């Protein structure tokens, strides 16, 4: 799934966690999709929905089983939210 599909899989709510194999021991919490209020549909056609920007909080995580124990180190726009290289955590 890409980030947009994960938003739908999470009942159209933000705050879900994702990982990507190239991130090492980092984990990201998805906080927003540009132009979308939580609970709303993403404009456009699946699976890319016109590729709106996605903002995430990044945490260093030595134990990914406890997502809330990491240290926030960045809040950035994901570079490729439409890729299928993410896993919902």
C-alpha atoms as a PDB file:
ATOM      1  CA  UNK A   1       0.000   0.000   0.000  1.00  0.00           C
ATOM      2  CA  UNK A   2       1.073   3.574  -0.503  1.00  0.00           C
ATOM      3  CA  UNK A   3       0.496   6.323   2.094  1.00  0.00           C
ATOM      4  CA  UNK A   4      -2.830   7.358   0.573  1.00  0.00           C
ATOM      5  CA  UNK A   5      -4.173   3.808   0.699  1.00  0.00           C
ATOM      6  CA  UNK A   6      -2.971   3.515   4.295  1.00  0.00           C
ATOM      7  CA  UNK A   7      -4.996   6.611   5.182  1.00  0.00           C
ATOM      8  CA  UNK A   8      -8.106   4.801   3.942  1.00  0.00           C
ATOM      9  CA  UNK A   9      -7.065   1.559   5.675  1.00  0.00           C
ATOM     10  CA  UNK A  10      -6.809   3.598   8.891  1.00  0.00           C
ATOM     11  CA  UNK A  11     -10.450   4.724   8.570  1.00  0.00           C
ATOM     12  CA  UNK A  12      -9.455   8.085   7.031  1.00  0.00           C
ATOM     13  CA  UNK A  13      -7.551   9.188  10.135  1.00  0.00           C
ATOM     14  CA  UNK A  14      -4.010  10.461  10.552  1.00  0.00           C
ATOM     15  CA  UNK A  15      -1.585   9.428  13.256  1.00  0.00           C
ATOM     16  CA  UNK A  16      -0.699   6.032  11.796  1.00  0.00           C
ATOM     17  CA  UNK A  17       2.879   4.787  11.795  1.00  0.00           C
ATOM     18  CA  UNK A  18       4.896   3.729   8.756  1.00  0.00           C
ATOM     19  CA  UNK A  19       8.331   2.299   8.080  1.00  0.00           C
ATOM     20  CA  UNK A  20      10.451   1.962   4.988  1.00  0.00           C
ATOM     21  CA  UNK A  21      13.362  -0.427   4.602  1.00  0.00           C
ATOM     22  CA  UNK A  22      15.746   2.400   3.632  1.00  0.00           C
ATOM     23  CA  UNK A  23      15.122   4.327   6.889  1.00  0.00           C
ATOM     24  CA  UNK A  24      17.199   2.140   9.191  1.00  0.00           C
ATOM     25  CA  UNK A  25      15.825   2.462  12.722  1.00  0.00           C
ATOM     26  CA  UNK A  26      13.498   5.376  11.943  1.00  0.00           C
ATOM     27  CA  UNK A  27       9.728   5.295  12.030  1.00  0.00           C
ATOM     28  CA  UNK A  28       7.309   7.983  10.824  1.00  0.00           C
ATOM     29  CA  UNK A  29       3.933   9.123  12.100  1.00  0.00           C
ATOM     30  CA  UNK A  30       1.734  10.475   9.293  1.00  0.00           C
ATOM     31  CA  UNK A  31       0.234  13.763  10.465  1.00  0.00           C
ATOM     32  CA  UNK A  32      -1.405  15.274   7.374  1.00  0.00           C
ATOM     33  CA  UNK A  33      -2.180  15.073   3.678  1.00  0.00           C
ATOM     34  CA  UNK A  34      -2.256  18.444   1.945  1.00  0.00           C
ATOM     35  CA  UNK A  35      -5.788  19.682   1.343  1.00  0.00           C
ATOM     36  CA  UNK A  36      -7.440  16.858   3.306  1.00  0.00           C
ATOM     37  CA  UNK A  37      -9.193  17.232   6.646  1.00  0.00           C
ATOM     38  CA  UNK A  38      -9.134  14.065   8.720  1.00  0.00           C
ATOM     39  CA  UNK A  39     -12.125  11.911   7.781  1.00  0.00           C
ATOM     40  CA  UNK A  40     -12.431  13.402   4.301  1.00  0.00           C
ATOM     41  CA  UNK A  41     -11.879  11.713   0.965  1.00  0.00           C
ATOM     42  CA  UNK A  42      -8.633  12.458  -0.883  1.00  0.00           C
ATOM     43  CA  UNK A  43      -9.464  14.234  -4.165  1.00  0.00           C
ATOM     44  CA  UNK A  44      -8.469  12.346  -7.309  1.00  0.00           C
ATOM     45  CA  UNK A  45      -8.353   8.750  -8.454  1.00  0.00           C
ATOM     46  CA  UNK A  46      -6.810   5.857  -6.545  1.00  0.00           C
ATOM     47  CA  UNK A  47      -4.122   4.851  -5.978  1.00  0.00           C
ATOM     48  CA  UNK A  48      -2.253   8.182  -6.332  1.00  0.00           C
ATOM     49  CA  UNK A  49      -5.011  10.774  -5.791  1.00  0.00           C
ATOM     50  CA  UNK A  50      -3.049  13.444  -7.714  1.00  0.00           C
ATOM     51  CA  UNK A  51      -0.061  12.936  -5.342  1.00  0.00           C
ATOM     52  CA  UNK A  52      -0.809  15.499  -2.610  1.00  0.00           C
ATOM     53  CA  UNK A  53       1.957  16.324  -0.141  1.00  0.00           C
ATOM     54  CA  UNK A  54       2.181  14.189   2.982  1.00  0.00           C
ATOM     55  CA  UNK A  55       3.733  15.463   6.232  1.00  0.00           C
ATOM     56  CA  UNK A  56       5.254  13.083   8.765  1.00  0.00           C
ATOM     57  CA  UNK A  57       7.022  13.239  12.125  1.00  0.00           C
ATOM     58  CA  UNK A  58      10.197  11.140  12.157  1.00  0.00           C
ATOM     59  CA  UNK A  59      11.401   9.304  15.230  1.00  0.00           C
ATOM     60  CA  UNK A  60      14.583   7.378  15.945  1.00  0.00           C
ATOM     61  CA  UNK A  61      13.469   4.088  17.324  1.00  0.00           C
ATOM     62  CA  UNK A  62      15.663   1.439  18.877  1.00  0.00           C
ATOM     63  CA  UNK A  63      12.601  -0.704  19.609  1.00  0.00           C
ATOM     64  CA  UNK A  64       9.914  -0.333  16.943  1.00  0.00           C
ATOM     65  CA  UNK A  65       7.543  -2.448  19.031  1.00  0.00           C
ATOM     66  CA  UNK A  66       6.989   0.650  21.178  1.00  0.00           C
ATOM     67  CA  UNK A  67       6.403   3.440  18.642  1.00  0.00           C
ATOM     68  CA  UNK A  68       5.836   6.082  21.293  1.00  0.00           C
ATOM     69  CA  UNK A  69       9.221   5.691  23.000  1.00  0.00           C
ATOM     70  CA  UNK A  70      11.374   7.155  20.221  1.00  0.00           C
ATOM     71  CA  UNK A  71      12.872  10.610  19.952  1.00  0.00           C
ATOM     72  CA  UNK A  72      11.305  13.039  17.473  1.00  0.00           C
ATOM     73  CA  UNK A  73      14.056  14.347  15.221  1.00  0.00           C
ATOM     74  CA  UNK A  74      12.316  15.852  12.188  1.00  0.00           C
ATOM     75  CA  UNK A  75       8.983  16.879  10.681  1.00  0.00           C
ATOM     76  CA  UNK A  76       9.147  16.791   6.897  1.00  0.00           C
ATOM     77  CA  UNK A  77       7.270  16.196   3.675  1.00  0.00           C
ATOM     78  CA  UNK A  78       7.649  12.618   2.441  1.00  0.00           C
ATOM     79  CA  UNK A  79       9.465  12.527  -0.879  1.00  0.00           C
ATOM     80  CA  UNK A  80       7.392   9.775  -2.526  1.00  0.00           C
ATOM     81  CA  UNK A  81       4.123   9.081  -0.686  1.00  0.00           C
ATOM     82  CA  UNK A  82       2.697   7.273  -3.727  1.00  0.00           C
ATOM     83  CA  UNK A  83       5.365   4.563  -3.735  1.00  0.00           C
ATOM     84  CA  UNK A  84       4.520   1.117  -2.473  1.00  0.00           C
ATOM     85  CA  UNK A  85       7.781   0.860  -0.475  1.00  0.00           C
ATOM     86  CA  UNK A  86       6.121   1.762   2.858  1.00  0.00           C
ATOM     87  CA  UNK A  87       4.697  -0.592   5.452  1.00  0.00           C
ATOM     88  CA  UNK A  88       2.063   0.385   7.962  1.00  0.00           C
ATOM     89  CA  UNK A  89       3.383  -0.313  11.432  1.00  0.00           C
END
